[in-house]
PDB file of N, CA and C in Angstrom:
ATOM      1  N   MET A   1       0.914  -1.170  -0.022  1.00  0.00           N
ATOM      2  CA  MET A   1      -0.049   0.011   0.011  1.00  0.00           C
ATOM      3  C   MET A   1       0.893   1.241   0.031  1.00  0.00           C
ATOM      4  N   THR A   2       0.733   2.041  -1.015  1.00  0.00           N
ATOM      5  CA  THR A   2       1.507   3.255  -1.118  1.00  0.00           C
ATOM      6  C   THR A   2       0.982   4.349  -0.232  1.00  0.00           C
ATOM      7  N   ARG A   3       1.717   5.355  -0.069  1.00  0.00           N
ATOM      8  CA  ARG A   3       1.212   6.530   0.723  1.00  0.00           C
ATOM      9  C   ARG A   3       0.037   7.153   0.160  1.00  0.00           C
ATOM     10  N   SER A   4      -0.119   7.309  -1.137  1.00  0.00           N
ATOM     11  CA  SER A   4      -1.300   7.903  -1.801  1.00  0.00           C
ATOM     12  C   SER A   4      -2.545   7.068  -1.500  1.00  0.00           C
ATOM     13  N   GLU A   5      -2.348   5.685  -1.605  1.00  0.00           N
ATOM     14  CA  GLU A   5      -3.493   4.806  -1.359  1.00  0.00           C
ATOM     15  C   GLU A   5      -3.920   4.818   0.135  1.00  0.00           C
ATOM     16  N   PHE A   6      -2.922   4.920   1.003  1.00  0.00           N
ATOM     17  CA  PHE A   6      -3.257   5.098   2.551  1.00  0.00           C
ATOM     18  C   PHE A   6      -3.991   6.312   2.786  1.00  0.00           C
ATOM     19  N   ILE A   7      -3.630   7.416   2.115  1.00  0.00           N
ATOM     20  CA  ILE A   7      -4.369   8.689   2.323  1.00  0.00           C
ATOM     21  C   ILE A   7      -5.751   8.654   1.736  1.00  0.00           C
ATOM     22  N   ALA A   8      -5.896   8.057   0.617  1.00  0.00           N
ATOM     23  CA  ALA A   8      -7.246   7.937   0.087  1.00  0.00           C
ATOM     24  C   ALA A   8      -8.163   7.037   0.839  1.00  0.00           C
ATOM     25  N   VAL A   9      -7.653   5.977   1.371  1.00  0.00           N
ATOM     26  CA  VAL A   9      -8.489   5.056   2.193  1.00  0.00           C
ATOM     27  C   VAL A   9      -8.864   5.674   3.506  1.00  0.00           C
ATOM     28  N   THR A  10      -7.874   6.391   4.104  1.00  0.00           N
ATOM     29  CA  THR A  10      -8.181   7.165   5.358  1.00  0.00           C
ATOM     30  C   THR A  10      -9.260   8.207   5.107  1.00  0.00           C
ATOM     31  N   ALA A  11      -9.135   8.991   4.066  1.00  0.00           N
ATOM     32  CA  ALA A  11     -10.074   9.966   3.654  1.00  0.00           C
ATOM     33  C   ALA A  11     -11.442   9.344   3.454  1.00  0.00           C
ATOM     34  N   LEU A  12     -11.581   8.151   2.759  1.00  0.00           N
ATOM     35  CA  LEU A  12     -12.903   7.541   2.595  1.00  0.00           C
ATOM     36  C   LEU A  12     -13.382   7.102   3.899  1.00  0.00           C
ATOM     37  N   ILE A  13     -12.647   6.551   4.759  1.00  0.00           N
ATOM     38  CA  ILE A  13     -13.177   6.137   6.087  1.00  0.00           C
ATOM     39  C   ILE A  13     -13.643   7.320   6.942  1.00  0.00           C
ATOM     40  N   LEU A  14     -12.918   8.386   6.903  1.00  0.00           N
ATOM     41  CA  LEU A  14     -13.353   9.575   7.628  1.00  0.00           C
ATOM     42  C   LEU A  14     -14.694  10.120   7.058  1.00  0.00           C
ATOM     43  N   PHE A  15     -14.662  10.134   5.711  1.00  0.00           N
ATOM     44  CA  PHE A  15     -15.938  10.661   5.069  1.00  0.00           C
ATOM     45  C   PHE A  15     -17.178   9.722   5.360  1.00  0.00           C
ATOM     46  N   GLY A  16     -16.927   8.418   5.386  1.00  0.00           N
ATOM     47  CA  GLY A  16     -17.952   7.500   5.707  1.00  0.00           C
ATOM     48  C   GLY A  16     -18.347   7.696   7.128  1.00  0.00           C
ATOM     49  N   ALA A  17     -17.448   7.951   8.066  1.00  0.00           N
ATOM     50  CA  ALA A  17     -17.784   8.119   9.474  1.00  0.00           C
ATOM     51  C   ALA A  17     -18.584   9.403   9.580  1.00  0.00           C
ATOM     52  N   PHE A  18     -18.241  10.395   8.861  1.00  0.00           N
ATOM     53  CA  PHE A  18     -18.991  11.716   8.893  1.00  0.00           C
ATOM     54  C   PHE A  18     -20.366  11.458   8.388  1.00  0.00           C
ATOM     55  N   VAL A  19     -20.610  10.753   7.335  1.00  0.00           N
ATOM     56  CA  VAL A  19     -21.913  10.529   6.783  1.00  0.00           C
ATOM     57  C   VAL A  19     -22.795   9.644   7.693  1.00  0.00           C
ATOM     58  N   LEU A  20     -22.169   8.616   8.298  1.00  0.00           N
ATOM     59  CA  LEU A  20     -22.888   7.858   9.254  1.00  0.00           C
ATOM     60  C   LEU A  20     -23.375   8.697  10.441  1.00  0.00           C
ATOM     61  N   GLY A  21     -22.448   9.571  10.873  1.00  0.00           N
ATOM     62  CA  GLY A  21     -22.748  10.468  12.114  1.00  0.00           C
ATOM     63  C   GLY A  21     -23.902  11.431  11.661  1.00  0.00           C
ATOM     64  N   TRP A  22     -23.860  12.036  10.488  1.00  0.00           N
ATOM     65  CA  TRP A  22     -24.943  12.914   9.988  1.00  0.00           C
ATOM     66  C   TRP A  22     -26.228  12.145   9.915  1.00  0.00           C
ATOM     67  N   ILE A  23     -26.169  10.978   9.420  1.00  0.00           N
ATOM     68  CA  ILE A  23     -27.419  10.163   9.290  1.00  0.00           C
ATOM     69  C   ILE A  23     -28.026   9.810  10.697  1.00  0.00           C
ATOM     70  N   ALA A  24     -27.168   9.505  11.596  1.00  0.00           N
ATOM     71  CA  ALA A  24     -27.544   9.119  12.902  1.00  0.00           C
ATOM     72  C   ALA A  24     -28.099  10.384  13.685  1.00  0.00           C
ATOM     73  N   SER A  25     -27.488  11.504  13.488  1.00  0.00           N
ATOM     74  CA  SER A  25     -28.049  12.843  14.058  1.00  0.00           C
ATOM     75  C   SER A  25     -29.456  13.133  13.444  1.00  0.00           C
ATOM     76  N   TRP A  26     -29.516  12.949  12.170  1.00  0.00           N
ATOM     77  CA  TRP A  26     -30.864  13.211  11.523  1.00  0.00           C
ATOM     78  C   TRP A  26     -31.902  12.315  12.064  1.00  0.00           C
ATOM     79  N   LEU A  27     -31.617  11.042  12.157  1.00  0.00           N
ATOM     80  CA  LEU A  27     -32.650   9.972  12.707  1.00  0.00           C
ATOM     81  C   LEU A  27     -32.962  10.378  14.261  1.00  0.00           C
ATOM     82  N   VAL A  28     -32.051  10.722  15.002  1.00  0.00           N
ATOM     83  CA  VAL A  28     -32.330  11.187  16.367  1.00  0.00           C
ATOM     84  C   VAL A  28     -33.231  12.365  16.385  1.00  0.00           C
ATOM     85  N   HIS A  29     -32.959  13.448  15.605  1.00  0.00           N
ATOM     86  CA  HIS A  29     -33.760  14.523  15.554  1.00  0.00           C
ATOM     87  C   HIS A  29     -35.255  14.268  15.030  1.00  0.00           C
ATOM     88  N   ARG A  30     -35.249  13.372  14.080  1.00  0.00           N
ATOM     89  CA  ARG A  30     -36.504  12.982  13.456  1.00  0.00           C
ATOM     90  C   ARG A  30     -37.396  12.174  14.420  1.00  0.00           C
ATOM     91  N   VAL A  31     -36.805  11.367  15.193  1.00  0.00           N
ATOM     92  CA  VAL A  31     -37.491  10.587  16.183  1.00  0.00           C
ATOM     93  C   VAL A  31     -37.888  11.371  17.479  1.00  0.00           C
ATOM     94  N   THR A  32     -36.988  12.231  17.950  1.00  0.00           N
ATOM     95  CA  THR A  32     -37.326  13.031  19.152  1.00  0.00           C
ATOM     96  C   THR A  32     -38.084  14.332  18.905  1.00  0.00           C
ATOM     97  N   ARG A  33     -38.298  14.712  17.700  1.00  0.00           N
ATOM     98  CA  ARG A  33     -38.978  15.842  17.394  1.00  0.00           C
ATOM     99  C   ARG A  33     -40.525  15.761  17.799  1.00  0.00           C
ATOM    100  N   PRO A  34     -41.158  16.757  18.489  1.00  0.00           N
ATOM    101  CA  PRO A  34     -42.470  16.699  18.867  1.00  0.00           C
ATOM    102  C   PRO A  34     -43.387  16.714  17.754  1.00  0.00           C
ATOM    103  N   ALA A  35     -44.526  15.933  17.778  1.00  0.00           N
ATOM    104  CA  ALA A  35     -45.513  16.034  16.743  1.00  0.00           C
ATOM    105  C   ALA A  35     -46.326  17.286  16.706  1.00  0.00           C
ATOM    106  N   ARG A  36     -47.072  17.414  15.706  1.00  0.00           N
ATOM    107  CA  ARG A  36     -47.894  18.729  15.652  1.00  0.00           C
ATOM    108  C   ARG A  36     -48.872  18.865  16.794  1.00  0.00           C
ATOM    109  N   GLY A  37     -49.432  17.701  17.095  1.00  0.00           N
ATOM    110  CA  GLY A  37     -50.404  17.661  18.252  1.00  0.00           C
ATOM    111  C   GLY A  37     -49.747  18.038  19.580  1.00  0.00           C
ATOM    112  N   ASP A  38     -48.595  17.467  19.645  1.00  0.00           N
ATOM    113  CA  ASP A  38     -47.735  17.889  20.900  1.00  0.00           C
ATOM    114  C   ASP A  38     -47.405  19.268  20.896  1.00  0.00           C
ATOM    115  N   MET A  39     -47.190  19.879  19.770  1.00  0.00           N
ATOM    116  CA  MET A  39     -46.859  21.330  19.710  1.00  0.00           C
ATOM    117  C   MET A  39     -47.980  22.194  20.146  1.00  0.00           C
ATOM    118  N   SER A  40     -49.235  21.799  19.715  1.00  0.00           N
ATOM    119  CA  SER A  40     -50.379  22.513  20.090  1.00  0.00           C
ATOM    120  C   SER A  40     -50.645  22.332  21.574  1.00  0.00           C
ATOM    121  N   LYS A  41     -50.439  21.222  22.107  1.00  0.00           N
ATOM    122  CA  LYS A  41     -50.486  20.988  23.646  1.00  0.00           C
ATOM    123  C   LYS A  41     -49.475  21.879  24.307  1.00  0.00           C
ATOM    124  N   LEU A  42     -48.255  21.996  23.841  1.00  0.00           N
ATOM    125  CA  LEU A  42     -47.200  22.769  24.419  1.00  0.00           C
ATOM    126  C   LEU A  42     -47.583  24.284  24.285  1.00  0.00           C
ATOM    127  N   ASP A  43     -48.137  24.669  23.276  1.00  0.00           N
ATOM    128  CA  ASP A  43     -48.606  26.088  23.051  1.00  0.00           C
ATOM    129  C   ASP A  43     -49.780  26.356  24.015  1.00  0.00           C
ATOM    130  N   ARG A  44     -50.652  25.488  24.199  1.00  0.00           N
ATOM    131  CA  ARG A  44     -51.771  25.652  25.106  1.00  0.00           C
ATOM    132  C   ARG A  44     -51.216  25.724  26.498  1.00  0.00           C
ATOM    133  N   MET A  45     -50.370  24.850  26.958  1.00  0.00           N
ATOM    134  CA  MET A  45     -49.732  24.862  28.226  1.00  0.00           C
ATOM    135  C   MET A  45     -48.953  26.174  28.572  1.00  0.00           C
ATOM    136  N   ALA A  46     -48.171  26.627  27.549  1.00  0.00           N
ATOM    137  CA  ALA A  46     -47.479  27.915  27.623  1.00  0.00           C
ATOM    138  C   ALA A  46     -48.519  28.998  27.851  1.00  0.00           C
ATOM    139  N   HIS A  47     -49.609  29.009  27.216  1.00  0.00           N
ATOM    140  CA  HIS A  47     -50.645  30.055  27.326  1.00  0.00           C
ATOM    141  C   HIS A  47     -51.276  30.056  28.711  1.00  0.00           C
ATOM    142  N   GLN A  48     -51.531  28.767  29.210  1.00  0.00           N
ATOM    143  CA  GLN A  48     -52.084  28.606  30.500  1.00  0.00           C
ATOM    144  C   GLN A  48     -51.212  29.055  31.577  1.00  0.00           C
ATOM    145  N   LEU A  49     -49.848  28.695  31.380  1.00  0.00           N
ATOM    146  CA  LEU A  49     -48.808  29.166  32.299  1.00  0.00           C
ATOM    147  C   LEU A  49     -48.726  30.734  32.464  1.00  0.00           C
ATOM    148  N   HIS A  50     -48.864  31.379  31.207  1.00  0.00           N
ATOM    149  CA  HIS A  50     -48.788  32.839  31.171  1.00  0.00           C
ATOM    150  C   HIS A  50     -50.045  33.447  31.981  1.00  0.00           C
ATOM    151  N   GLU A  51     -51.161  32.785  31.689  1.00  0.00           N
ATOM    152  CA  GLU A  51     -52.447  33.314  32.397  1.00  0.00           C
ATOM    153  C   GLU A  51     -52.271  33.050  33.934  1.00  0.00           C
ATOM    154  N   ALA A  52     -51.742  31.935  34.297  1.00  0.00           N
ATOM    155  CA  ALA A  52     -51.563  31.743  35.682  1.00  0.00           C
ATOM    156  C   ALA A  52     -50.516  32.688  36.431  1.00  0.00           C
ATOM    157  N   GLU A  53     -49.473  32.973  35.632  1.00  0.00           N
ATOM    158  CA  GLU A  53     -48.502  33.987  36.186  1.00  0.00           C
ATOM    159  C   GLU A  53     -49.206  35.311  36.351  1.00  0.00           C
ATOM    160  N   GLU A  54     -50.027  35.747  35.333  1.00  0.00           N
ATOM    161  CA  GLU A  54     -50.668  37.005  35.458  1.00  0.00           C
ATOM    162  C   GLU A  54     -51.633  37.018  36.653  1.00  0.00           C
ATOM    163  N   ALA A  55     -52.349  35.883  36.836  1.00  0.00           N
ATOM    164  CA  ALA A  55     -53.276  35.814  37.955  1.00  0.00           C
ATOM    165  C   ALA A  55     -52.497  35.851  39.287  1.00  0.00           C
ATOM    166  N   ARG A  56     -51.415  35.222  39.335  1.00  0.00           N
ATOM    167  CA  ARG A  56     -50.509  35.228  40.497  1.00  0.00           C
ATOM    168  C   ARG A  56     -50.063  36.636  40.840  1.00  0.00           C
ATOM    169  N   ASP A  57     -49.617  37.367  39.782  1.00  0.00           N
ATOM    170  CA  ASP A  57     -49.188  38.759  39.943  1.00  0.00           C
ATOM    171  C   ASP A  57     -50.320  39.655  40.422  1.00  0.00           C
ATOM    172  N   ALA A  58     -51.531  39.460  39.903  1.00  0.00           N
ATOM    173  CA  ALA A  58     -52.687  40.237  40.338  1.00  0.00           C
ATOM    174  C   ALA A  58     -53.032  39.938  41.716  1.00  0.00           C
ATOM    175  N   ALA A  59     -52.866  38.587  42.197  1.00  0.00           N
ATOM    176  CA  ALA A  59     -53.234  38.284  43.470  1.00  0.00           C
ATOM    177  C   ALA A  59     -52.250  38.872  44.510  1.00  0.00           C
ATOM    178  N   LEU A  60     -50.972  38.859  44.137  1.00  0.00           N
ATOM    179  CA  LEU A  60     -49.942  39.472  44.978  1.00  0.00           C
ATOM    180  C   LEU A  60     -50.123  40.954  45.077  1.00  0.00           C
ATOM    181  N   ALA A  61     -50.544  41.603  43.990  1.00  0.00           N
ATOM    182  CA  ALA A  61     -50.805  43.009  44.059  1.00  0.00           C
ATOM    183  C   ALA A  61     -52.006  43.323  45.041  1.00  0.00           C
ATOM    184  N   GLN A  62     -53.074  42.497  44.814  1.00  0.00           N
ATOM    185  CA  GLN A  62     -54.254  42.691  45.685  1.00  0.00           C
ATOM    186  C   GLN A  62     -53.963  42.394  47.144  1.00  0.00           C
ATOM    187  N   THR A  63     -53.085  41.345  47.381  1.00  0.00           N
ATOM    188  CA  THR A  63     -52.659  41.108  48.734  1.00  0.00           C
ATOM    189  C   THR A  63     -51.842  42.334  49.328  1.00  0.00           C
ATOM    190  N   ARG A  64     -51.090  42.801  48.614  1.00  0.00           N
ATOM    191  CA  ARG A  64     -50.273  44.038  49.042  1.00  0.00           C
ATOM    192  C   ARG A  64     -51.211  45.148  49.366  1.00  0.00           C
ATOM    193  N   GLU A  65     -52.169  45.370  48.480  1.00  0.00           N
ATOM    194  CA  GLU A  65     -53.086  46.515  48.801  1.00  0.00           C
ATOM    195  C   GLU A  65     -53.889  46.206  50.062  1.00  0.00           C
ATOM    196  N   ARG A  66     -54.345  45.050  50.199  1.00  0.00           N
ATOM    197  CA  ARG A  66     -55.103  44.714  51.459  1.00  0.00           C
ATOM    198  C   ARG A  66     -54.268  44.876  52.651  1.00  0.00           C
ATOM    199  N   GLU A  67     -53.036  44.353  52.564  1.00  0.00           N
ATOM    200  CA  GLU A  67     -52.158  44.448  53.709  1.00  0.00           C
ATOM    201  C   GLU A  67     -51.951  45.935  54.064  1.00  0.00           C
ATOM    202  N   ALA A  68     -51.684  46.769  53.011  1.00  0.00           N
ATOM    203  CA  ALA A  68     -51.542  48.283  53.354  1.00  0.00           C
ATOM    204  C   ALA A  68     -52.765  48.897  53.921  1.00  0.00           C
ATOM    205  N   ALA A  69     -53.969  48.368  53.461  1.00  0.00           N
ATOM    206  CA  ALA A  69     -55.230  48.994  53.973  1.00  0.00           C
ATOM    207  C   ALA A  69     -55.381  48.563  55.537  1.00  0.00           C
ATOM    208  N   LEU A  70     -55.130  47.237  55.643  1.00  0.00           N
ATOM    209  CA  LEU A  70     -55.282  46.662  57.057  1.00  0.00           C
ATOM    210  C   LEU A  70     -54.241  47.340  58.018  1.00  0.00           C
ATOM    211  N   THR A  71     -53.112  47.612  57.509  1.00  0.00           N
ATOM    212  CA  THR A  71     -52.044  48.214  58.453  1.00  0.00           C
ATOM    213  C   THR A  71     -52.503  49.591  58.698  1.00  0.00           C
ATOM    214  N   ALA A  72     -53.035  50.404  57.789  1.00  0.00           N
ATOM    215  CA  ALA A  72     -53.471  51.698  58.097  1.00  0.00           C
ATOM    216  C   ALA A  72     -54.725  51.693  59.099  1.00  0.00           C
ATOM    217  N   ARG A  73     -55.618  50.652  58.803  1.00  0.00           N
ATOM    218  CA  ARG A  73     -56.735  50.490  59.760  1.00  0.00           C
ATOM    219  C   ARG A  73     -56.264  50.201  61.121  1.00  0.00           C
ATOM    220  N   LEU A  74     -55.367  49.281  61.234  1.00  0.00           N
ATOM    221  CA  LEU A  74     -54.804  48.917  62.515  1.00  0.00           C
ATOM    222  C   LEU A  74     -54.147  50.148  63.278  1.00  0.00           C
ATOM    223  N   ALA A  75     -53.396  50.941  62.468  1.00  0.00           N
ATOM    224  CA  ALA A  75     -52.740  52.161  63.133  1.00  0.00           C
ATOM    225  C   ALA A  75     -53.807  53.058  63.639  1.00  0.00           C
ATOM    226  N   GLY A  76     -54.822  53.276  62.838  1.00  0.00           N
ATOM    227  CA  GLY A  76     -55.962  54.165  63.290  1.00  0.00           C
ATOM    228  C   GLY A  76     -56.672  53.568  64.523  1.00  0.00           C
ATOM    229  N   THR A  77     -56.931  52.341  64.479  1.00  0.00           N
ATOM    230  CA  THR A  77     -57.638  51.711  65.675  1.00  0.00           C
ATOM    231  C   THR A  77     -56.728  51.745  66.917  1.00  0.00           C
ATOM    232  N   GLN A  78     -55.409  51.578  66.757  1.00  0.00           N
ATOM    233  CA  GLN A  78     -54.551  51.649  67.968  1.00  0.00           C
ATOM    234  C   GLN A  78     -54.476  53.169  68.453  1.00  0.00           C
ATOM    235  N   ALA A  79     -54.558  54.216  67.559  1.00  0.00           N
ATOM    236  CA  ALA A  79     -54.667  55.516  67.946  1.00  0.00           C
ATOM    237  C   ALA A  79     -55.936  55.844  68.714  1.00  0.00           C
ATOM    238  N   GLU A  80     -56.976  55.266  68.280  1.00  0.00           N
ATOM    239  CA  GLU A  80     -58.314  55.450  68.960  1.00  0.00           C
ATOM    240  C   GLU A  80     -58.256  54.776  70.341  1.00  0.00           C
ATOM    241  N   LEU A  81     -57.678  53.610  70.346  1.00  0.00           N
ATOM    242  CA  LEU A  81     -57.504  52.885  71.659  1.00  0.00           C
ATOM    243  C   LEU A  81     -56.677  53.727  72.671  1.00  0.00           C
ATOM    244  N   ARG A  82     -55.613  54.351  72.230  1.00  0.00           N
ATOM    245  CA  ARG A  82     -54.741  55.135  73.139  1.00  0.00           C
ATOM    246  C   ARG A  82     -55.450  56.285  73.594  1.00  0.00           C
ATOM    247  N   ALA A  83     -56.320  56.960  72.671  1.00  0.00           N
ATOM    248  CA  ALA A  83     -57.103  58.095  73.025  1.00  0.00           C
ATOM    249  C   ALA A  83     -58.235  57.731  74.045  1.00  0.00           C
ATOM    250  N   ALA A  84     -58.823  56.524  73.842  1.00  0.00           N
ATOM    251  CA  ALA A  84     -59.810  56.040  74.716  1.00  0.00           C
ATOM    252  C   ALA A  84     -59.278  55.772  76.118  1.00  0.00           C
ATOM    253  N   MET A  85     -58.142  55.116  76.107  1.00  0.00           N
ATOM    254  CA  MET A  85     -57.438  54.694  77.405  1.00  0.00           C
ATOM    255  C   MET A  85     -56.980  56.064  78.082  1.00  0.00           C
ATOM    256  N   GLU A  86     -56.592  57.055  77.419  1.00  0.00           N
ATOM    257  CA  GLU A  86     -56.163  58.255  78.051  1.00  0.00           C
ATOM    258  C   GLU A  86     -57.425  58.956  78.678  1.00  0.00           C
ATOM    259  N   GLY A  87     -58.559  58.990  77.861  1.00  0.00           N
ATOM    260  CA  GLY A  87     -59.789  59.547  78.420  1.00  0.00           C
ATOM    261  C   GLY A  87     -60.281  58.817  79.640  1.00  0.00           C
ATOM    262  N   LEU A  88     -60.120  57.460  79.605  1.00  0.00           N
ATOM    263  CA  LEU A  88     -60.573  56.689  80.707  1.00  0.00           C
ATOM    264  C   LEU A  88     -59.730  57.009  81.933  1.00  0.00           C
ATOM    265  N   ARG A  89     -58.433  57.134  81.755  1.00  0.00           N
ATOM    266  CA  ARG A  89     -57.479  57.426  82.871  1.00  0.00           C
ATOM    267  C   ARG A  89     -57.908  58.798  83.421  1.00  0.00           C
ATOM    268  N   ASP A  90     -58.158  59.835  82.579  1.00  0.00           N
ATOM    269  CA  ASP A  90     -58.552  61.154  83.046  1.00  0.00           C
ATOM    270  C   ASP A  90     -59.773  61.111  83.778  1.00  0.00           C
ATOM    271  N   SER A  91     -60.750  60.358  83.262  1.00  0.00           N
ATOM    272  CA  SER A  91     -62.049  60.122  83.962  1.00  0.00           C
ATOM    273  C   SER A  91     -61.872  59.477  85.376  1.00  0.00           C
ATOM    274  N   ARG A  92     -61.151  58.465  85.466  1.00  0.00           N
ATOM    275  CA  ARG A  92     -60.828  57.827  86.801  1.00  0.00           C
ATOM    276  C   ARG A  92     -60.201  58.822  87.777  1.00  0.00           C
ATOM    277  N   THR A  93     -59.279  59.642  87.209  1.00  0.00           N
ATOM    278  CA  THR A  93     -58.645  60.633  88.069  1.00  0.00           C
ATOM    279  C   THR A  93     -59.630  61.654  88.546  1.00  0.00           C
ATOM    280  N   GLU A  94     -60.534  62.047  87.615  1.00  0.00           N
ATOM    281  CA  GLU A  94     -61.532  63.048  88.060  1.00  0.00           C
ATOM    282  C   GLU A  94     -62.548  62.364  89.050  1.00  0.00           C
ATOM    283  N   VAL A  95     -62.850  61.150  88.864  1.00  0.00           N
ATOM    284  CA  VAL A  95     -63.800  60.535  89.803  1.00  0.00           C
ATOM    285  C   VAL A  95     -63.164  60.431  91.198  1.00  0.00           C
ATOM    286  N   GLU A  96     -61.905  60.081  91.297  1.00  0.00           N
ATOM    287  CA  GLU A  96     -61.208  60.057  92.516  1.00  0.00           C
ATOM    288  C   GLU A  96     -61.171  61.422  93.138  1.00  0.00           C
ATOM    289  N   GLU A  97     -60.972  62.535  92.372  1.00  0.00           N
ATOM    290  CA  GLU A  97     -60.905  63.883  92.893  1.00  0.00           C
ATOM    291  C   GLU A  97     -62.291  64.235  93.415  1.00  0.00           C
ATOM    292  N   LEU A  98     -63.381  63.853  92.689  1.00  0.00           N
ATOM    293  CA  LEU A  98     -64.722  64.142  93.138  1.00  0.00           C
ATOM    294  C   LEU A  98     -65.003  63.336  94.468  1.00  0.00           C
ATOM    295  N   ARG A  99     -64.638  62.124  94.561  1.00  0.00           N
ATOM    296  CA  ARG A  99     -64.878  61.349  95.797  1.00  0.00           C
ATOM    297  C   ARG A  99     -64.152  61.990  96.970  1.00  0.00           C
ATOM    298  N   ASP A 100     -62.976  62.430  96.755  1.00  0.00           N
ATOM    299  CA  ASP A 100     -62.228  63.111  97.848  1.00  0.00           C
ATOM    300  C   ASP A 100     -62.935  64.377  98.238  1.00  0.00           C
ATOM    301  N   TYR A 101     -63.335  65.097  97.281  1.00  0.00           N
ATOM    302  CA  TYR A 101     -64.026  66.424  97.549  1.00  0.00           C
ATOM    303  C   TYR A 101     -65.383  66.070  98.307  1.00  0.00           C
ATOM    304  N   ILE A 102     -66.076  65.055  97.870  1.00  0.00           N
ATOM    305  CA  ILE A 102     -67.321  64.736  98.570  1.00  0.00           C
ATOM    306  C   ILE A 102     -67.086  64.259 100.032  1.00  0.00           C
ATOM    307  N   GLU A 103     -66.087  63.417 100.185  1.00  0.00           N
ATOM    308  CA  GLU A 103     -65.686  62.989 101.499  1.00  0.00           C
ATOM    309  C   GLU A 103     -65.265  64.069 102.441  1.00  0.00           C
ATOM    310  N   LYS A 104     -64.517  65.054 101.926  1.00  0.00           N
ATOM    311  CA  LYS A 104     -64.145  66.194 102.705  1.00  0.00           C
ATOM    312  C   LYS A 104     -65.354  67.047 103.057  1.00  0.00           C
ATOM    313  N   ALA A 105     -66.279  67.240 102.066  1.00  0.00           N
ATOM    314  CA  ALA A 105     -67.445  67.945 102.363  1.00  0.00           C
ATOM    315  C   ALA A 105     -68.356  67.396 103.398  1.00  0.00           C
ATOM    316  N   LEU A 106     -68.409  66.065 103.390  1.00  0.00           N
ATOM    317  CA  LEU A 106     -69.329  65.444 104.248  1.00  0.00           C
ATOM    318  C   LEU A 106     -68.559  65.330 105.628  1.00  0.00           C
ATOM    319  N   ALA A 107     -67.271  65.313 105.626  1.00  0.00           N
ATOM    320  CA  ALA A 107     -66.613  65.280 107.000  1.00  0.00           C
ATOM    321  C   ALA A 107     -66.677  66.729 107.673  1.00  0.00           C
ATOM    322  N   ARG A 108     -66.916  67.759 107.018  1.00  0.00           N
ATOM    323  CA  ARG A 108     -66.997  69.154 107.586  1.00  0.00           C
ATOM    324  C   ARG A 108     -68.337  69.247 108.307  1.00  0.00           C
ATOM    325  N   ARG A 109     -69.329  68.612 107.877  1.00  0.00           N
ATOM    326  CA  ARG A 109     -70.682  68.722 108.518  1.00  0.00           C
ATOM    327  C   ARG A 109     -70.794  68.146 109.852  1.00  0.00           C
TER     328      ARG A 109
END
């Protein structure tokens, strides 16, 4: 076998390997490619996922709004409670002062 024959045989073997690899790749892609029915299912699932994400975002926004409203309502209620407790404390002090005044007035008679 001469050098030229060896190079030609090696080139043919490499070309054959390339062609076999290309055919194998084509077969794998042909077998694993989704069918048209599967593509419509995938499109429908993608659309449903998009709608679900939008619904989730809307729910999160609504939750944040409710939380902010409830926080403001709680702050107002706590302010009213503090005012009521202060008024009650003042009333108790006034009642005690009136009792002392009445007791002193009755003690003078």
